[in-house]
C-alpha atoms as a PDB file:
ATOM      1  CA  MET A   1     -21.824 -11.498  -9.769  1.00  0.00           C
ATOM      2  CA  SER A   2     -19.863  -9.596 -12.027  1.00  0.00           C
ATOM      3  CA  VAL A   3     -18.320 -10.959 -15.329  1.00  0.00           C
ATOM      4  CA  ASN A   4     -14.509 -10.477 -16.163  1.00  0.00           C
ATOM      5  CA  PRO A   5     -13.419  -9.848 -19.890  1.00  0.00           C
ATOM      6  CA  GLU A   6     -12.738 -13.537 -20.667  1.00  0.00           C
ATOM      7  CA  GLY A   7     -16.545 -14.298 -19.745  1.00  0.00           C
ATOM      8  CA  ALA A   8     -15.769 -16.341 -16.514  1.00  0.00           C
ATOM      9  CA  GLU A   9     -18.274 -15.526 -13.713  1.00  0.00           C
ATOM     10  CA  ARG A  10     -16.595 -14.255 -10.451  1.00  0.00           C
ATOM     11  CA  GLU A  11     -17.698 -15.087  -7.137  1.00  0.00           C
ATOM     12  CA  TYR A  12     -18.603 -12.340  -4.877  1.00  0.00           C
ATOM     13  CA  LEU A  13     -15.478 -10.866  -3.391  1.00  0.00           C
ATOM     14  CA  PRO A  14     -15.651  -9.486   0.220  1.00  0.00           C
ATOM     15  CA  SER A  15     -14.639  -5.467   0.457  1.00  0.00           C
ATOM     16  CA  ILE A  16     -11.335  -4.750   1.752  1.00  0.00           C
ATOM     17  CA  ALA A  17     -13.179  -3.137   4.918  1.00  0.00           C
ATOM     18  CA  GLU A  18     -14.985  -6.447   5.297  1.00  0.00           C
ATOM     19  CA  LEU A  19     -11.794  -8.474   4.858  1.00  0.00           C
ATOM     20  CA  LEU A  20      -9.999  -6.309   7.354  1.00  0.00           C
ATOM     21  CA  ALA A  21     -12.914  -6.856  10.094  1.00  0.00           C
ATOM     22  CA  ASP A  22     -12.379 -10.671  10.018  1.00  0.00           C
ATOM     23  CA  THR A  23     -10.704 -11.254  13.430  1.00  0.00           C
ATOM     24  CA  SER A  24      -9.582 -14.895  12.479  1.00  0.00           C
ATOM     25  CA  ARG A  25      -6.544 -14.002   9.953  1.00  0.00           C
ATOM     26  CA  PRO A  26      -4.545 -10.981   8.693  1.00  0.00           C
ATOM     27  CA  THR A  27      -4.763  -9.805   5.524  1.00  0.00           C
ATOM     28  CA  PHE A  28      -1.966 -10.190   2.819  1.00  0.00           C
ATOM     29  CA  SER A  29      -1.912  -7.864  -0.212  1.00  0.00           C
ATOM     30  CA  PHE A  30       0.582  -6.639  -3.037  1.00  0.00           C
ATOM     31  CA  GLU A  31       1.320  -3.313  -4.547  1.00  0.00           C
ATOM     32  CA  PHE A  32       2.942  -2.972  -8.212  1.00  0.00           C
ATOM     33  CA  PHE A  33       3.884  -0.244 -10.176  1.00  0.00           C
ATOM     34  CA  PRO A  34       2.748   0.499 -13.768  1.00  0.00           C
ATOM     35  CA  PRO A  35       5.354  -0.692 -16.343  1.00  0.00           C
ATOM     36  CA  ALA A  36       7.574   1.639 -18.551  1.00  0.00           C
ATOM     37  CA  ASP A  37       7.369  -0.348 -21.848  1.00  0.00           C
ATOM     38  CA  ALA A  38       6.237  -3.872 -23.116  1.00  0.00           C
ATOM     39  CA  ALA A  39       8.934  -5.754 -21.722  1.00  0.00           C
ATOM     40  CA  ALA A  40       8.564  -4.118 -18.264  1.00  0.00           C
ATOM     41  CA  GLY A  41       4.946  -5.089 -18.931  1.00  0.00           C
ATOM     42  CA  ASP A  42       5.368  -8.612 -19.505  1.00  0.00           C
ATOM     43  CA  VAL A  43       7.499  -9.112 -16.123  1.00  0.00           C
ATOM     44  CA  LEU A  44       4.983  -7.300 -14.344  1.00  0.00           C
ATOM     45  CA  ALA A  45       2.095  -9.506 -15.722  1.00  0.00           C
ATOM     46  CA  GLN A  46       4.161 -12.741 -14.728  1.00  0.00           C
ATOM     47  CA  THR A  47       4.885 -11.197 -11.248  1.00  0.00           C
ATOM     48  CA  ILE A  48       1.114 -10.674 -10.919  1.00  0.00           C
ATOM     49  CA  LEU A  49       0.160 -14.136 -11.917  1.00  0.00           C
ATOM     50  CA  ASP A  50       3.143 -15.666  -9.683  1.00  0.00           C
ATOM     51  CA  LEU A  51       1.854 -13.532  -6.562  1.00  0.00           C
ATOM     52  CA  ASP A  52      -1.794 -14.342  -7.270  1.00  0.00           C
ATOM     53  CA  ALA A  53      -1.215 -17.891  -7.010  1.00  0.00           C
ATOM     54  CA  THR A  54      -0.526 -17.421  -2.940  1.00  0.00           C
ATOM     55  CA  GLY A  55      -4.021 -16.393  -2.533  1.00  0.00           C
ATOM     56  CA  PRO A  56      -3.487 -12.292  -1.859  1.00  0.00           C
ATOM     57  CA  ASP A  57      -6.642 -10.454  -0.314  1.00  0.00           C
ATOM     58  CA  TRP A  58      -5.927  -7.458  -2.777  1.00  0.00           C
ATOM     59  CA  LEU A  59      -3.726  -6.222  -5.391  1.00  0.00           C
ATOM     60  CA  SER A  60      -2.914  -2.627  -6.710  1.00  0.00           C
ATOM     61  CA  VAL A  61      -0.770  -0.526  -8.816  1.00  0.00           C
ATOM     62  CA  THR A  62       0.567   2.711  -8.081  1.00  0.00           C
ATOM     63  CA  TYR A  63      -0.487   6.035  -9.713  1.00  0.00           C
ATOM     64  CA  GLY A  64       2.360   8.260 -11.049  1.00  0.00           C
ATOM     65  CA  ALA A  65       2.977  12.001  -9.979  1.00  0.00           C
ATOM     66  CA  SER A  66       0.608  14.579 -12.019  1.00  0.00           C
ATOM     67  CA  GLY A  67      -1.243  11.626 -13.570  1.00  0.00           C
ATOM     68  CA  ALA A  68       1.823  10.780 -15.696  1.00  0.00           C
ATOM     69  CA  THR A  69       1.107   6.856 -15.608  1.00  0.00           C
ATOM     70  CA  ARG A  70      -2.593   7.323 -15.800  1.00  0.00           C
ATOM     71  CA  ASP A  71      -3.001   5.024 -18.680  1.00  0.00           C
ATOM     72  CA  ARG A  72      -0.406   2.469 -17.785  1.00  0.00           C
ATOM     73  CA  THR A  73      -2.016   2.281 -14.215  1.00  0.00           C
ATOM     74  CA  ILE A  74      -5.615   1.825 -15.349  1.00  0.00           C
ATOM     75  CA  ALA A  75      -4.310  -0.957 -18.124  1.00  0.00           C
ATOM     76  CA  ALA A  76      -2.429  -2.830 -15.473  1.00  0.00           C
ATOM     77  CA  THR A  77      -5.307  -2.625 -12.972  1.00  0.00           C
ATOM     78  CA  ARG A  78      -7.625  -4.153 -15.573  1.00  0.00           C
ATOM     79  CA  PHE A  79      -5.272  -7.009 -16.291  1.00  0.00           C
ATOM     80  CA  ILE A  80      -5.531  -7.473 -12.415  1.00  0.00           C
ATOM     81  CA  LYS A  81      -9.146  -7.488 -12.539  1.00  0.00           C
ATOM     82  CA  ALA A  82      -9.383  -9.836 -15.767  1.00  0.00           C
ATOM     83  CA  ARG A  83      -6.595 -12.410 -14.756  1.00  0.00           C
ATOM     84  CA  THR A  84      -6.582 -12.796 -10.923  1.00  0.00           C
ATOM     85  CA  GLU A  85      -9.094 -13.609  -8.192  1.00  0.00           C
ATOM     86  CA  ALA A  86      -8.313 -11.015  -5.840  1.00  0.00           C
ATOM     87  CA  GLN A  87     -10.091  -7.753  -5.044  1.00  0.00           C
ATOM     88  CA  THR A  88      -8.557  -4.986  -7.032  1.00  0.00           C
ATOM     89  CA  MET A  89      -7.575  -1.418  -5.943  1.00  0.00           C
ATOM     90  CA  GLY A  90      -6.836   1.524  -7.833  1.00  0.00           C
ATOM     91  CA  HIS A  91      -4.437   4.511  -6.633  1.00  0.00           C
ATOM     92  CA  LEU A  92      -5.205   8.037  -7.113  1.00  0.00           C
ATOM     93  CA  THR A  93      -2.987  11.234  -6.200  1.00  0.00           C
ATOM     94  CA  CYS A  94      -4.275  14.734  -6.463  1.00  0.00           C
ATOM     95  CA  ALA A  95      -0.798  16.415  -7.265  1.00  0.00           C
ATOM     96  CA  SER A  96      -0.797  18.718 -10.599  1.00  0.00           C
ATOM     97  CA  GLN A  97      -4.330  17.729 -11.660  1.00  0.00           C
ATOM     98  CA  SER A  98      -7.587  19.558 -12.180  1.00  0.00           C
ATOM     99  CA  THR A  99     -10.741  18.180 -10.227  1.00  0.00           C
ATOM    100  CA  ASP A 100     -12.073  17.315 -13.536  1.00  0.00           C
ATOM    101  CA  GLU A 101      -8.853  15.059 -14.304  1.00  0.00           C
ATOM    102  CA  LEU A 102      -9.390  13.345 -10.923  1.00  0.00           C
ATOM    103  CA  LEU A 103     -13.242  12.496 -11.724  1.00  0.00           C
ATOM    104  CA  ALA A 104     -12.235  11.227 -15.217  1.00  0.00           C
ATOM    105  CA  THR A 105      -9.793   8.755 -13.614  1.00  0.00           C
ATOM    106  CA  LEU A 106     -12.120   7.618 -11.114  1.00  0.00           C
ATOM    107  CA  ALA A 107     -14.894   7.085 -13.720  1.00  0.00           C
ATOM    108  CA  ALA A 108     -12.147   5.210 -16.005  1.00  0.00           C
ATOM    109  CA  TYR A 109     -11.902   2.911 -12.585  1.00  0.00           C
ATOM    110  CA  ALA A 110     -15.759   2.593 -12.028  1.00  0.00           C
ATOM    111  CA  ASP A 111     -16.088   1.394 -15.832  1.00  0.00           C
ATOM    112  CA  ALA A 112     -13.232  -1.155 -15.172  1.00  0.00           C
ATOM    113  CA  ASP A 113     -15.506  -2.585 -12.233  1.00  0.00           C
ATOM    114  CA  VAL A 114     -12.863  -1.482  -9.723  1.00  0.00           C
ATOM    115  CA  ARG A 115     -14.263  -1.116  -6.531  1.00  0.00           C
ATOM    116  CA  HIS A 116     -11.606   0.427  -4.152  1.00  0.00           C
ATOM    117  CA  VAL A 117      -9.446   3.442  -4.539  1.00  0.00           C
ATOM    118  CA  LEU A 118      -6.136   4.440  -2.512  1.00  0.00           C
ATOM    119  CA  ALA A 119      -6.618   8.201  -2.139  1.00  0.00           C
ATOM    120  CA  ILE A 120      -3.371   9.969  -1.440  1.00  0.00           C
ATOM    121  CA  ARG A 121      -1.984  13.522  -1.957  1.00  0.00           C
ATOM    122  CA  GLY A 122       1.082  12.258  -4.100  1.00  0.00           C
ATOM    123  CA  ASP A 123       4.006  14.028  -4.740  1.00  0.00           C
ATOM    124  CA  MET A 124       5.169  16.844  -7.429  1.00  0.00           C
ATOM    125  CA  PRO A 125       6.874  15.994 -10.387  1.00  0.00           C
ATOM    126  CA  GLY A 126      10.505  15.674  -9.467  1.00  0.00           C
ATOM    127  CA  GLY A 127       9.635  13.899  -6.392  1.00  0.00           C
ATOM    128  CA  PRO A 128       8.942  14.246  -2.500  1.00  0.00           C
ATOM    129  CA  THR A 129      11.653  16.913  -2.066  1.00  0.00           C
ATOM    130  CA  VAL A 130      10.015  19.135  -4.819  1.00  0.00           C
ATOM    131  CA  PRO A 131       7.572  21.847  -2.547  1.00  0.00           C
ATOM    132  CA  TRP A 132       3.867  20.804  -3.016  1.00  0.00           C
ATOM    133  CA  GLN A 133       1.776  23.154  -4.948  1.00  0.00           C
ATOM    134  CA  ARG A 134      -2.111  23.132  -5.334  1.00  0.00           C
ATOM    135  CA  HIS A 135      -3.312  22.817  -8.826  1.00  0.00           C
ATOM    136  CA  PRO A 136      -5.442  25.993  -9.617  1.00  0.00           C
ATOM    137  CA  ASP A 137      -8.350  24.068 -10.318  1.00  0.00           C
ATOM    138  CA  GLY A 138      -7.693  21.126  -8.112  1.00  0.00           C
ATOM    139  CA  LEU A 139      -7.522  19.808  -4.485  1.00  0.00           C
ATOM    140  CA  ALA A 140      -5.351  20.900  -1.505  1.00  0.00           C
ATOM    141  CA  ASN A 141      -4.753  17.445   0.351  1.00  0.00           C
ATOM    142  CA  ALA A 142      -5.722  13.998   0.634  1.00  0.00           C
ATOM    143  CA  THR A 143      -8.784  14.685   2.927  1.00  0.00           C
ATOM    144  CA  GLU A 144     -10.301  16.785   0.010  1.00  0.00           C
ATOM    145  CA  LEU A 145      -9.725  14.127  -2.190  1.00  0.00           C
ATOM    146  CA  VAL A 146     -11.357  11.319   0.047  1.00  0.00           C
ATOM    147  CA  ARG A 147     -14.388  13.499   0.097  1.00  0.00           C
ATOM    148  CA  LEU A 148     -14.615  13.944  -3.664  1.00  0.00           C
ATOM    149  CA  ILE A 149     -14.569  10.432  -4.095  1.00  0.00           C
ATOM    150  CA  ALA A 150     -17.063   9.614  -1.314  1.00  0.00           C
ATOM    151  CA  ASP A 151     -19.549  12.432  -2.745  1.00  0.00           C
ATOM    152  CA  ASN A 152     -19.127  10.897  -6.318  1.00  0.00           C
ATOM    153  CA  PHE A 153     -18.727   7.469  -6.236  1.00  0.00           C
ATOM    154  CA  GLY A 154     -19.359   4.285  -4.277  1.00  0.00           C
ATOM    155  CA  PHE A 155     -15.652   3.106  -4.054  1.00  0.00           C
ATOM    156  CA  GLY A 156     -14.186   1.711  -0.757  1.00  0.00           C
ATOM    157  CA  ILE A 157     -11.534   4.343   0.292  1.00  0.00           C
ATOM    158  CA  GLY A 158      -7.873   3.665   1.536  1.00  0.00           C
ATOM    159  CA  VAL A 159      -5.504   6.221   2.631  1.00  0.00           C
ATOM    160  CA  ALA A 160      -1.846   6.645   3.563  1.00  0.00           C
ATOM    161  CA  ALA A 161      -0.817   6.717   7.254  1.00  0.00           C
ATOM    162  CA  PHE A 162       2.775   7.302   8.219  1.00  0.00           C
ATOM    163  CA  PRO A 163       4.388   5.369  11.141  1.00  0.00           C
ATOM    164  CA  ASP A 164       7.665   7.869  10.672  1.00  0.00           C
ATOM    165  CA  PRO A 165       6.157  11.385  10.697  1.00  0.00           C
ATOM    166  CA  HIS A 166       5.602  12.754   7.153  1.00  0.00           C
ATOM    167  CA  PRO A 167       8.682  14.105   5.662  1.00  0.00           C
ATOM    168  CA  GLN A 168       7.284  17.465   4.908  1.00  0.00           C
ATOM    169  CA  GLN A 169       5.751  17.951   8.268  1.00  0.00           C
ATOM    170  CA  ARG A 170       7.600  15.822  10.940  1.00  0.00           C
ATOM    171  CA  ASP A 171       4.680  16.092  13.052  1.00  0.00           C
ATOM    172  CA  ALA A 172       3.610  12.733  14.359  1.00  0.00           C
ATOM    173  CA  ASP A 173       0.385  14.055  16.329  1.00  0.00           C
ATOM    174  CA  LEU A 174      -0.553  16.281  13.163  1.00  0.00           C
ATOM    175  CA  ASP A 175      -0.334  12.953  11.249  1.00  0.00           C
ATOM    176  CA  ALA A 176      -2.782  11.184  13.607  1.00  0.00           C
ATOM    177  CA  ARG A 177      -5.264  14.081  13.360  1.00  0.00           C
ATOM    178  CA  LEU A 178      -5.006  14.105   9.386  1.00  0.00           C
ATOM    179  CA  LEU A 179      -5.925  10.375   9.395  1.00  0.00           C
ATOM    180  CA  LEU A 180      -8.981  11.119  11.866  1.00  0.00           C
ATOM    181  CA  ALA A 181      -9.766  13.739   9.441  1.00  0.00           C
ATOM    182  CA  LYS A 182      -9.641  11.217   6.491  1.00  0.00           C
ATOM    183  CA  GLN A 183     -11.632   8.967   8.133  1.00  0.00           C
ATOM    184  CA  GLU A 184     -14.465  11.674   8.877  1.00  0.00           C
ATOM    185  CA  ALA A 185     -14.204  12.476   5.189  1.00  0.00           C
ATOM    186  CA  GLY A 186     -15.042   8.849   4.091  1.00  0.00           C
ATOM    187  CA  ALA A 187     -12.175   6.473   4.239  1.00  0.00           C
ATOM    188  CA  SER A 188     -12.358   2.933   5.660  1.00  0.00           C
ATOM    189  CA  PHE A 189      -9.063   1.752   6.032  1.00  0.00           C
ATOM    190  CA  ALA A 190      -5.247   3.001   5.792  1.00  0.00           C
ATOM    191  CA  ILE A 191      -2.015   1.627   4.735  1.00  0.00           C
ATOM    192  CA  THR A 192       1.298   2.545   5.948  1.00  0.00           C
ATOM    193  CA  GLN A 193       4.044   3.815   3.990  1.00  0.00           C
ATOM    194  CA  LEU A 194       7.472   1.868   4.149  1.00  0.00           C
ATOM    195  CA  PHE A 195       8.835   1.712   7.647  1.00  0.00           C
ATOM    196  CA  PHE A 196      11.737  -0.710   9.319  1.00  0.00           C
ATOM    197  CA  ASP A 197      11.153  -0.395  13.087  1.00  0.00           C
ATOM    198  CA  ALA A 198       8.104  -2.246  14.364  1.00  0.00           C
ATOM    199  CA  ASP A 199       7.726   0.278  17.204  1.00  0.00           C
ATOM    200  CA  ALA A 200       7.265   2.922  14.921  1.00  0.00           C
ATOM    201  CA  TYR A 201       4.015   1.345  13.753  1.00  0.00           C
ATOM    202  CA  LEU A 202       2.976   0.451  17.221  1.00  0.00           C
ATOM    203  CA  ARG A 203       3.235   3.995  18.261  1.00  0.00           C
ATOM    204  CA  LEU A 204       1.287   5.423  15.014  1.00  0.00           C
ATOM    205  CA  VAL A 205      -1.748   3.180  16.035  1.00  0.00           C
ATOM    206  CA  GLU A 206      -1.517   4.337  19.535  1.00  0.00           C
ATOM    207  CA  ARG A 207      -1.585   7.893  18.395  1.00  0.00           C
ATOM    208  CA  THR A 208      -4.527   7.355  16.059  1.00  0.00           C
ATOM    209  CA  ARG A 209      -6.367   5.745  18.853  1.00  0.00           C
ATOM    210  CA  ALA A 210      -6.005   8.632  20.973  1.00  0.00           C
ATOM    211  CA  VAL A 211      -7.518  10.933  18.907  1.00  0.00           C
ATOM    212  CA  GLY A 212     -10.414   8.842  18.070  1.00  0.00           C
ATOM    213  CA  CYS A 213      -9.523   7.161  14.863  1.00  0.00           C
ATOM    214  CA  THR A 214     -10.558   3.672  14.423  1.00  0.00           C
ATOM    215  CA  LEU A 215      -9.480   2.994  10.784  1.00  0.00           C
ATOM    216  CA  PRO A 216      -7.676  -0.671  10.653  1.00  0.00           C
ATOM    217  CA  ILE A 217      -4.362   0.497   9.694  1.00  0.00           C
ATOM    218  CA  VAL A 218      -2.319  -2.047   7.242  1.00  0.00           C
ATOM    219  CA  ALA A 219       1.475  -2.225   7.817  1.00  0.00           C
ATOM    220  CA  GLY A 220       3.175  -1.662   4.386  1.00  0.00           C
ATOM    221  CA  ILE A 221       6.376  -4.008   4.116  1.00  0.00           C
ATOM    222  CA  GLN A 222       9.163  -3.049   1.777  1.00  0.00           C
ATOM    223  CA  PRO A 223      11.367  -6.152   1.281  1.00  0.00           C
ATOM    224  CA  VAL A 224      15.101  -5.275   0.983  1.00  0.00           C
ATOM    225  CA  THR A 225      16.960  -6.485  -2.146  1.00  0.00           C
ATOM    226  CA  ASN A 226      19.230  -4.093  -3.075  1.00  0.00           C
ATOM    227  CA  ILE A 227      21.249  -1.774  -0.079  1.00  0.00           C
ATOM    228  CA  GLY A 228      21.590   1.517  -1.972  1.00  0.00           C
ATOM    229  CA  GLN A 229      17.868   1.394  -3.229  1.00  0.00           C
ATOM    230  CA  ILE A 230      16.394   0.840   0.041  1.00  0.00           C
ATOM    231  CA  GLU A 231      18.875   3.428   1.421  1.00  0.00           C
ATOM    232  CA  ARG A 232      17.442   5.974  -1.210  1.00  0.00           C
ATOM    233  CA  PHE A 233      13.724   5.049  -0.172  1.00  0.00           C
ATOM    234  CA  ALA A 234      14.424   5.673   3.374  1.00  0.00           C
ATOM    235  CA  THR A 235      15.883   9.186   2.848  1.00  0.00           C
ATOM    236  CA  LEU A 236      13.002  10.160   0.519  1.00  0.00           C
ATOM    237  CA  SER A 237      10.386   9.064   2.883  1.00  0.00           C
ATOM    238  CA  GLY A 238      11.746   9.880   5.858  1.00  0.00           C
ATOM    239  CA  ALA A 239      11.835   6.234   7.187  1.00  0.00           C
ATOM    240  CA  SER A 240      14.627   5.513   9.750  1.00  0.00           C
ATOM    241  CA  MET A 241      16.561   2.414   9.614  1.00  0.00           C
ATOM    242  CA  PRO A 242      17.532   0.871  12.859  1.00  0.00           C
ATOM    243  CA  GLU A 243      21.318   0.764  13.079  1.00  0.00           C
ATOM    244  CA  ALA A 244      21.180  -3.197  13.770  1.00  0.00           C
ATOM    245  CA  MET A 245      19.553  -3.437  10.230  1.00  0.00           C
ATOM    246  CA  VAL A 246      21.991  -1.075   8.626  1.00  0.00           C
ATOM    247  CA  GLN A 247      25.040  -3.285   9.974  1.00  0.00           C
ATOM    248  CA  ARG A 248      23.176  -6.784   9.195  1.00  0.00           C
ATOM    249  CA  LEU A 249      23.042  -5.327   5.524  1.00  0.00           C
ATOM    250  CA  HIS A 250      26.337  -3.905   5.210  1.00  0.00           C
ATOM    251  CA  ALA A 251      28.057  -7.191   6.804  1.00  0.00           C
ATOM    252  CA  VAL A 252      26.950  -9.039   3.416  1.00  0.00           C
ATOM    253  CA  ALA A 253      27.136  -6.012   1.016  1.00  0.00           C
ATOM    254  CA  HIS A 254      29.576  -7.707  -0.909  1.00  0.00           C
ATOM    255  CA  ASP A 255      27.113 -10.497  -2.066  1.00  0.00           C
ATOM    256  CA  PRO A 256      24.180  -9.524  -3.832  1.00  0.00           C
ATOM    257  CA  ALA A 257      22.373 -12.967  -2.902  1.00  0.00           C
ATOM    258  CA  GLU A 258      23.221 -12.513   0.540  1.00  0.00           C
ATOM    259  CA  VAL A 259      21.729  -9.172   0.572  1.00  0.00           C
ATOM    260  CA  ARG A 260      18.572 -10.350  -0.664  1.00  0.00           C
ATOM    261  CA  ARG A 261      18.708 -13.421   2.051  1.00  0.00           C
ATOM    262  CA  VAL A 262      19.224 -11.000   4.842  1.00  0.00           C
ATOM    263  CA  GLY A 263      16.505  -8.582   3.534  1.00  0.00           C
ATOM    264  CA  VAL A 264      13.840 -11.207   3.614  1.00  0.00           C
ATOM    265  CA  GLU A 265      14.909 -12.075   7.366  1.00  0.00           C
ATOM    266  CA  LEU A 266      14.484  -8.426   8.145  1.00  0.00           C
ATOM    267  CA  ALA A 267      11.170  -8.206   6.486  1.00  0.00           C
ATOM    268  CA  THR A 268      10.044 -11.374   8.027  1.00  0.00           C
ATOM    269  CA  GLU A 269      11.040 -10.302  11.371  1.00  0.00           C
ATOM    270  CA  LEU A 270       9.271  -7.068  10.939  1.00  0.00           C
ATOM    271  CA  SER A 271       6.144  -8.627   9.769  1.00  0.00           C
ATOM    272  CA  VAL A 272       6.267 -10.928  12.716  1.00  0.00           C
ATOM    273  CA  LYS A 273       6.510  -8.179  15.204  1.00  0.00           C
ATOM    274  CA  VAL A 274       3.594  -6.032  13.731  1.00  0.00           C
ATOM    275  CA  LEU A 275       1.547  -9.097  13.478  1.00  0.00           C
ATOM    276  CA  GLN A 276       1.925  -9.780  16.865  1.00  0.00           C
ATOM    277  CA  GLY A 277       1.621  -6.348  17.984  1.00  0.00           C
ATOM    278  CA  GLY A 278      -1.982  -6.350  16.290  1.00  0.00           C
ATOM    279  CA  ALA A 279      -1.597  -5.078  12.776  1.00  0.00           C
ATOM    280  CA  PRO A 280      -4.739  -6.392  11.027  1.00  0.00           C
ATOM    281  CA  GLY A 281      -2.752  -7.106   7.616  1.00  0.00           C
ATOM    282  CA  LEU A 282       0.412  -6.665   5.628  1.00  0.00           C
ATOM    283  CA  GLN A 283       1.011  -5.013   2.295  1.00  0.00           C
ATOM    284  CA  PHE A 284       4.004  -5.857   0.376  1.00  0.00           C
ATOM    285  CA  PHE A 285       5.384  -3.362  -1.956  1.00  0.00           C
ATOM    286  CA  THR A 286       6.901  -5.783  -4.622  1.00  0.00           C
ATOM    287  CA  LEU A 287       8.725  -3.540  -6.969  1.00  0.00           C
ATOM    288  CA  ASN A 288       7.091  -5.860  -9.596  1.00  0.00           C
ATOM    289  CA  ARG A 289       9.307  -8.740  -8.235  1.00  0.00           C
ATOM    290  CA  SER A 290       7.587 -11.987  -6.592  1.00  0.00           C
ATOM    291  CA  ARG A 291      10.797 -13.866  -5.273  1.00  0.00           C
ATOM    292  CA  ALA A 292      11.192 -11.702  -2.135  1.00  0.00           C
ATOM    293  CA  THR A 293       7.810 -11.242  -1.207  1.00  0.00           C
ATOM    294  CA  SER A 294       6.920 -14.976  -2.035  1.00  0.00           C
ATOM    295  CA  ALA A 295       9.784 -16.069   0.730  1.00  0.00           C
ATOM    296  CA  ILE A 296       8.374 -13.724   3.227  1.00  0.00           C
ATOM    297  CA  LEU A 297       5.098 -15.145   2.951  1.00  0.00           C
ATOM    298  CA  ALA A 298       6.201 -18.436   3.215  1.00  0.00           C
ATOM    299  CA  ASN A 299       8.014 -17.974   6.111  1.00  0.00           C
ATOM    300  CA  LEU A 300       5.100 -16.296   8.069  1.00  0.00           C
ATOM    301  CA  ARG A 301       2.657 -19.258   6.684  1.00  0.00           C
ATOM    302  CA  ALA A 302       5.414 -21.772   8.184  1.00  0.00           C
ATOM    303  CA  LEU A 303       5.223 -19.772  11.728  1.00  0.00           C
ATOM    304  CA  GLY A 304       1.103 -20.064  11.694  1.00  0.00           C
ATOM    305  CA  LEU A 305       1.088 -16.401  11.134  1.00  0.00           C
ATOM    306  CA  ASP A 306      -1.706 -16.385   8.539  1.00  0.00           C
ATOM    307  CA  ARG A 307      -3.982 -16.258  11.559  1.00  0.00           C
ATOM    308  CA  ARG A 308      -5.010 -12.871  13.443  1.00  0.00           C
ATOM    309  CA  SER A 309      -3.094 -12.803  16.739  1.00  0.00           C
ATOM    310  CA  PRO A 310      -4.735 -12.495  20.095  1.00  0.00           C
ATOM    311  CA  ALA A 311      -3.401  -8.558  20.362  1.00  0.00           C
ATOM    312  CA  ALA A 312      -5.469  -7.665  16.903  1.00  0.00           C
ATOM    313  CA  ALA A 313      -8.612  -9.773  18.028  1.00  0.00           C
ATOM    314  CA  SER A 314      -8.678  -7.939  21.262  1.00  0.00           C
ATOM    315  CA  ASP A 315      -8.057  -4.405  19.815  1.00  0.00           C
ATOM    316  CA  GLU A 316     -11.175  -4.745  17.561  1.00  0.00           C
END
C-alpha cells in the first residue's frame, strides 16, 4: 500500500485497464484543467472534492500546449492523489517539447506516485488551427510518445480516439490504424475526444475492431452549459453537432438555466446510447464545474446504467 501526503494508508486501487476489464459495470471518470490563479485553484479544489464524493474510478488534469501548464498540472494532480480515493491519471502532450523535457515530466508524475498517463500529441501553441511542427529534439506523434513512456516507465498508458475524424486529417480509416499503432506501442486503453452523435462513437469502435485494435474505448462526454462555448469546441475539434441538438439548444438560448437543463438532458441521452451500445465507460470533461456532471450521473444511476449493458459484456 502507498501512503498519501496526509499520512493515511490507501487501499490497493485497480489499474484503469483492470477497471475497464470489469464487465459488471461501466467506469465513470472526470477530467479537469489546471487553474490559472489561486482563486481558480480554490474552485477546482472544491469541484474535485464534490465530484470525488460521487465515487469516480479515476480523475485527471489536462496538460497545456508546449508544457505551458506543467507545474500547475502536476500540482493539481498531486492534490487529487492526496485528497481523493480515486485512481489518478496524468496527461502529457509532446508538442513543442524536447524528449528530455517529456522525460522530466514523466519522472515528476512517477515521483508523485501517479500510475497512469494519457499520451496525446497535443496542439501547437495557438490552438488546433496552427500547423503542427515537430520539436527539433522531440517526437513526431502520439505513437512515439507512447513508445517513449512504455520504454522508460511502468505507467498504464491511455491515448486519444476520434469518433469524428481528426480535424487535421479527416480520414476515419487512418484514425483507426493509428489507434492500432498506439496499442502496439504500449497503450492499454483509449478515451475519445468530445462528440455529440452516438453513432459516431459506435462507428469508431467498428472501424478499430475491423483493423485488429482491441483497446477499450471510453466515451468522452462534454456537458453543454453554454451554447457559444460548445459551438466553439465543436468547430475546433471537428465534432459534428446533430441538427436536432442544435434546435433544442437554440430554442432555449434566451434562458441560461434552460440551456443548462437541456444540456444535461442531451448529455444524459448521449451517455445512455453509448452505454447501451457497449461503451465500457464514460469520461466527463467537467470544465472544472461539478453541477452538470453530477446531474448527468444521477440520471444514469436512476436509470440503472451504473451496470454494464449486455452489449458491452458480449463485446469483451
